[in-house]
Amino acid sequence: MTDPAIEAMRAVLAESLGEVRDSLDGLSIDELNARPAGQGTNSLAVIAEHALASTRSWCSLAMGVPLPPRDRPAEFLTVADEGFVASVDDAIAEILALVGDDAVFDPAREGFATWRTDGADEPVTAAWAVDHALSHLGEHVGHAHLTRHLLRPLR
């Protein structure tokens, strides 16, 4: 029998990743790179890139697979091009495969988040990593919705 907590995590993850993807639909490259809330804010391209890289890293840690290479500062310099949306689709597919039905989840497994910028060098459990992945992704889903609304207000 499948663990209902894992099934819930998969469902929330898939829904949130779908919302990140939906935030990009129908936008031009200029819109993907625009910073409608001002120069000190992030574009949709940056939000999507960072949200997906973070989620992929936390889910990899949670599932006990090798951590992907990650350059966190570069995520915030992302500039969308013609292939950007396809790369988002690939990243989403990779993340969903990490937590697929054949994945083994041990909530007590520990690992190190080598990309953290808060100086934390303590191991975290897989359960903590999944919870953090979902909450962090949820924050960025909200950022993406707000940024898209600034680009194309509801009429």
C-alpha atoms as a PDB file:
ATOM      1  CA  MET A   1       0.000   0.000   0.000  1.00  0.00           C
ATOM      2  CA  THR A   2       1.265   3.457  -0.873  1.00  0.00           C
ATOM      3  CA  ASP A   3       1.921   5.892   1.961  1.00  0.00           C
ATOM      4  CA  PRO A   4      -0.835   8.556   1.856  1.00  0.00           C
ATOM      5  CA  ALA A   5       1.650  11.237   2.949  1.00  0.00           C
ATOM      6  CA  ILE A   6       3.864  10.461  -0.044  1.00  0.00           C
ATOM      7  CA  GLU A   7       0.879  10.466  -2.384  1.00  0.00           C
ATOM      8  CA  ALA A   8      -0.178  13.846  -0.995  1.00  0.00           C
ATOM      9  CA  MET A   9       3.362  15.190  -1.470  1.00  0.00           C
ATOM     10  CA  ARG A  10       3.384  14.009  -5.082  1.00  0.00           C
ATOM     11  CA  ALA A  11      -0.005  15.599  -5.758  1.00  0.00           C
ATOM     12  CA  VAL A  12       0.916  18.966  -4.195  1.00  0.00           C
ATOM     13  CA  LEU A  13       4.260  18.940  -5.985  1.00  0.00           C
ATOM     14  CA  ALA A  14       2.665  18.202  -9.375  1.00  0.00           C
ATOM     15  CA  GLU A  15       0.017  20.890  -8.856  1.00  0.00           C
ATOM     16  CA  SER A  16       2.571  23.517  -7.827  1.00  0.00           C
ATOM     17  CA  LEU A  17       4.925  22.686 -10.688  1.00  0.00           C
ATOM     18  CA  GLY A  18       1.965  22.946 -13.057  1.00  0.00           C
ATOM     19  CA  GLU A  19       1.209  26.406 -11.700  1.00  0.00           C
ATOM     20  CA  VAL A  20       4.805  27.519 -12.297  1.00  0.00           C
ATOM     21  CA  ARG A  21       4.509  26.269 -15.863  1.00  0.00           C
ATOM     22  CA  ASP A  22       1.090  27.871 -16.362  1.00  0.00           C
ATOM     23  CA  SER A  23       2.492  31.239 -15.256  1.00  0.00           C
ATOM     24  CA  LEU A  24       4.671  31.229 -18.384  1.00  0.00           C
ATOM     25  CA  ASP A  25       1.964  30.287 -20.895  1.00  0.00           C
ATOM     26  CA  GLY A  26       1.461  32.648 -23.785  1.00  0.00           C
ATOM     27  CA  LEU A  27       4.108  35.147 -22.725  1.00  0.00           C
ATOM     28  CA  SER A  28       6.708  36.607 -25.048  1.00  0.00           C
ATOM     29  CA  ILE A  29      10.412  36.392 -24.277  1.00  0.00           C
ATOM     30  CA  ASP A  30      10.316  40.079 -23.363  1.00  0.00           C
ATOM     31  CA  GLU A  31       7.499  39.418 -20.886  1.00  0.00           C
ATOM     32  CA  LEU A  32       9.341  36.427 -19.386  1.00  0.00           C
ATOM     33  CA  ASN A  33      12.329  38.695 -18.747  1.00  0.00           C
ATOM     34  CA  ALA A  34      10.384  41.764 -17.604  1.00  0.00           C
ATOM     35  CA  ARG A  35      10.515  42.968 -14.012  1.00  0.00           C
ATOM     36  CA  PRO A  36       7.109  44.653 -13.734  1.00  0.00           C
ATOM     37  CA  ALA A  37       7.479  45.382 -10.018  1.00  0.00           C
ATOM     38  CA  GLY A  38      10.784  47.208 -10.538  1.00  0.00           C
ATOM     39  CA  GLN A  39      14.461  46.537 -11.078  1.00  0.00           C
ATOM     40  CA  GLY A  40      14.981  45.148  -7.583  1.00  0.00           C
ATOM     41  CA  THR A  41      12.528  42.312  -8.250  1.00  0.00           C
ATOM     42  CA  ASN A  42      12.665  39.079 -10.232  1.00  0.00           C
ATOM     43  CA  SER A  43      11.318  38.263 -13.656  1.00  0.00           C
ATOM     44  CA  LEU A  44       9.151  35.223 -14.298  1.00  0.00           C
ATOM     45  CA  ALA A  45      12.168  33.573 -15.917  1.00  0.00           C
ATOM     46  CA  VAL A  46      14.194  34.047 -12.722  1.00  0.00           C
ATOM     47  CA  ILE A  47      11.328  32.922 -10.496  1.00  0.00           C
ATOM     48  CA  ALA A  48      10.782  29.755 -12.548  1.00  0.00           C
ATOM     49  CA  GLU A  49      14.486  28.927 -12.831  1.00  0.00           C
ATOM     50  CA  HIS A  50      15.128  29.377  -9.123  1.00  0.00           C
ATOM     51  CA  ALA A  51      11.962  27.576  -8.027  1.00  0.00           C
ATOM     52  CA  LEU A  52      12.723  24.572 -10.222  1.00  0.00           C
ATOM     53  CA  ALA A  53      16.428  24.377  -9.332  1.00  0.00           C
ATOM     54  CA  SER A  54      15.620  24.576  -5.640  1.00  0.00           C
ATOM     55  CA  THR A  55      12.827  22.020  -5.862  1.00  0.00           C
ATOM     56  CA  ARG A  56      15.011  19.619  -7.856  1.00  0.00           C
ATOM     57  CA  SER A  57      17.788  19.943  -5.262  1.00  0.00           C
ATOM     58  CA  TRP A  58      15.549  19.454  -2.214  1.00  0.00           C
ATOM     59  CA  CYS A  59      13.705  16.529  -3.823  1.00  0.00           C
ATOM     60  CA  SER A  60      16.997  14.888  -4.792  1.00  0.00           C
ATOM     61  CA  LEU A  61      18.180  15.179  -1.210  1.00  0.00           C
ATOM     62  CA  ALA A  62      14.856  13.833   0.070  1.00  0.00           C
ATOM     63  CA  MET A  63      14.910  10.846  -2.262  1.00  0.00           C
ATOM     64  CA  GLY A  64      18.546   9.994  -1.566  1.00  0.00           C
ATOM     65  CA  VAL A  65      19.787  10.443  -5.120  1.00  0.00           C
ATOM     66  CA  PRO A  66      22.912  12.367  -6.122  1.00  0.00           C
ATOM     67  CA  LEU A  67      22.449  16.104  -5.802  1.00  0.00           C
ATOM     68  CA  PRO A  68      22.297  17.933  -9.128  1.00  0.00           C
ATOM     69  CA  PRO A  69      24.899  20.579  -9.895  1.00  0.00           C
ATOM     70  CA  ARG A  70      23.583  23.939  -8.834  1.00  0.00           C
ATOM     71  CA  ASP A  71      24.764  27.532  -9.171  1.00  0.00           C
ATOM     72  CA  ARG A  72      22.235  29.353  -6.996  1.00  0.00           C
ATOM     73  CA  PRO A  73      23.536  32.895  -7.707  1.00  0.00           C
ATOM     74  CA  ALA A  74      23.301  32.240 -11.472  1.00  0.00           C
ATOM     75  CA  GLU A  75      19.608  31.337 -11.107  1.00  0.00           C
ATOM     76  CA  PHE A  76      18.920  34.988 -10.277  1.00  0.00           C
ATOM     77  CA  LEU A  77      20.654  36.105 -13.478  1.00  0.00           C
ATOM     78  CA  THR A  78      18.504  33.936 -15.756  1.00  0.00           C
ATOM     79  CA  VAL A  79      17.444  35.480 -19.047  1.00  0.00           C
ATOM     80  CA  ALA A  80      14.835  33.564 -21.027  1.00  0.00           C
ATOM     81  CA  ASP A  81      15.458  32.751 -24.665  1.00  0.00           C
ATOM     82  CA  GLU A  82      13.596  30.753 -27.314  1.00  0.00           C
ATOM     83  CA  GLY A  83      14.345  27.446 -25.548  1.00  0.00           C
ATOM     84  CA  PHE A  84      13.457  28.587 -22.044  1.00  0.00           C
ATOM     85  CA  VAL A  85       9.941  27.160 -21.791  1.00  0.00           C
ATOM     86  CA  ALA A  86      11.133  23.803 -23.147  1.00  0.00           C
ATOM     87  CA  SER A  87      13.852  23.752 -20.480  1.00  0.00           C
ATOM     88  CA  VAL A  88      11.176  24.426 -17.855  1.00  0.00           C
ATOM     89  CA  ASP A  89       9.157  21.483 -19.171  1.00  0.00           C
ATOM     90  CA  ASP A  90      12.262  19.263 -18.983  1.00  0.00           C
ATOM     91  CA  ALA A  91      13.009  20.363 -15.421  1.00  0.00           C
ATOM     92  CA  ILE A  92       9.442  19.671 -14.316  1.00  0.00           C
ATOM     93  CA  ALA A  93       9.549  16.188 -15.863  1.00  0.00           C
ATOM     94  CA  GLU A  94      12.853  15.490 -14.090  1.00  0.00           C
ATOM     95  CA  ILE A  95      11.471  16.594 -10.718  1.00  0.00           C
ATOM     96  CA  LEU A  96       8.333  14.499 -11.104  1.00  0.00           C
ATOM     97  CA  ALA A  97      10.462  11.481 -12.064  1.00  0.00           C
ATOM     98  CA  LEU A  98      12.480  11.915  -8.851  1.00  0.00           C
ATOM     99  CA  VAL A  99       9.366  11.305  -6.770  1.00  0.00           C
ATOM    100  CA  GLY A 100       7.690   8.825  -9.130  1.00  0.00           C
ATOM    101  CA  ASP A 101       5.909   5.672  -8.054  1.00  0.00           C
ATOM    102  CA  ASP A 102       9.130   3.635  -8.108  1.00  0.00           C
ATOM    103  CA  ALA A 103      11.002   6.092  -5.857  1.00  0.00           C
ATOM    104  CA  VAL A 104      11.852   4.957  -2.349  1.00  0.00           C
ATOM    105  CA  PHE A 105      11.263   7.523   0.377  1.00  0.00           C
ATOM    106  CA  ASP A 106      12.793   7.109   3.825  1.00  0.00           C
ATOM    107  CA  PRO A 107      11.685  10.117   5.880  1.00  0.00           C
ATOM    108  CA  ALA A 108      14.504   9.601   8.400  1.00  0.00           C
ATOM    109  CA  ARG A 109      17.279   9.569   5.763  1.00  0.00           C
ATOM    110  CA  GLU A 110      19.672  12.468   6.331  1.00  0.00           C
ATOM    111  CA  GLY A 111      21.602  14.563   3.865  1.00  0.00           C
ATOM    112  CA  PHE A 112      23.361  17.874   3.486  1.00  0.00           C
ATOM    113  CA  ALA A 113      21.999  20.769   1.454  1.00  0.00           C
ATOM    114  CA  THR A 114      25.318  21.973   0.094  1.00  0.00           C
ATOM    115  CA  TRP A 115      23.743  24.950  -1.697  1.00  0.00           C
ATOM    116  CA  ARG A 116      22.294  26.613   1.410  1.00  0.00           C
ATOM    117  CA  THR A 117      23.198  30.247   1.895  1.00  0.00           C
ATOM    118  CA  ASP A 118      22.132  30.561   5.519  1.00  0.00           C
ATOM    119  CA  GLY A 119      25.317  28.953   6.817  1.00  0.00           C
ATOM    120  CA  ALA A 120      23.505  25.836   8.017  1.00  0.00           C
ATOM    121  CA  ASP A 121      25.857  22.892   7.825  1.00  0.00           C
ATOM    122  CA  GLU A 122      23.686  20.473   9.780  1.00  0.00           C
ATOM    123  CA  PRO A 123      22.135  17.501   8.024  1.00  0.00           C
ATOM    124  CA  VAL A 124      18.395  17.549   7.372  1.00  0.00           C
ATOM    125  CA  THR A 125      16.020  14.625   7.182  1.00  0.00           C
ATOM    126  CA  ALA A 126      14.293  13.617   3.997  1.00  0.00           C
ATOM    127  CA  ALA A 127      10.993  14.537   5.652  1.00  0.00           C
ATOM    128  CA  TRP A 128      12.281  18.061   6.354  1.00  0.00           C
ATOM    129  CA  ALA A 129      13.643  18.376   2.795  1.00  0.00           C
ATOM    130  CA  VAL A 130      10.269  17.450   1.264  1.00  0.00           C
ATOM    131  CA  ASP A 131       8.396  19.835   3.526  1.00  0.00           C
ATOM    132  CA  HIS A 132      10.837  22.623   2.713  1.00  0.00           C
ATOM    133  CA  ALA A 133      10.686  21.872  -1.022  1.00  0.00           C
ATOM    134  CA  LEU A 134       6.894  22.186  -1.026  1.00  0.00           C
ATOM    135  CA  SER A 135       6.711  25.321   1.116  1.00  0.00           C
ATOM    136  CA  HIS A 136       9.490  27.067  -0.804  1.00  0.00           C
ATOM    137  CA  LEU A 137       7.925  26.132  -4.129  1.00  0.00           C
ATOM    138  CA  GLY A 138       4.570  27.403  -2.879  1.00  0.00           C
ATOM    139  CA  GLU A 139       6.087  30.794  -2.092  1.00  0.00           C
ATOM    140  CA  HIS A 140       7.438  31.045  -5.614  1.00  0.00           C
ATOM    141  CA  VAL A 141       4.122  29.971  -7.129  1.00  0.00           C
ATOM    142  CA  GLY A 142       2.657  33.023  -5.390  1.00  0.00           C
ATOM    143  CA  HIS A 143       5.478  35.210  -6.713  1.00  0.00           C
ATOM    144  CA  ALA A 144       4.848  33.907 -10.216  1.00  0.00           C
ATOM    145  CA  HIS A 145       1.104  34.607  -9.992  1.00  0.00           C
ATOM    146  CA  LEU A 146       1.692  38.154  -8.768  1.00  0.00           C
ATOM    147  CA  THR A 147       4.353  38.860 -11.383  1.00  0.00           C
ATOM    148  CA  ARG A 148       2.163  37.546 -14.190  1.00  0.00           C
ATOM    149  CA  HIS A 149      -0.740  39.656 -12.911  1.00  0.00           C
ATOM    150  CA  LEU A 150       1.476  42.746 -13.041  1.00  0.00           C
ATOM    151  CA  LEU A 151       2.393  41.885 -16.636  1.00  0.00           C
ATOM    152  CA  ARG A 152      -1.152  41.102 -17.721  1.00  0.00           C
ATOM    153  CA  PRO A 153      -3.748  42.403 -15.277  1.00  0.00           C
ATOM    154  CA  LEU A 154      -7.071  40.597 -15.171  1.00  0.00           C
ATOM    155  CA  ARG A 155      -9.701  42.391 -17.137  1.00  0.00           C
END
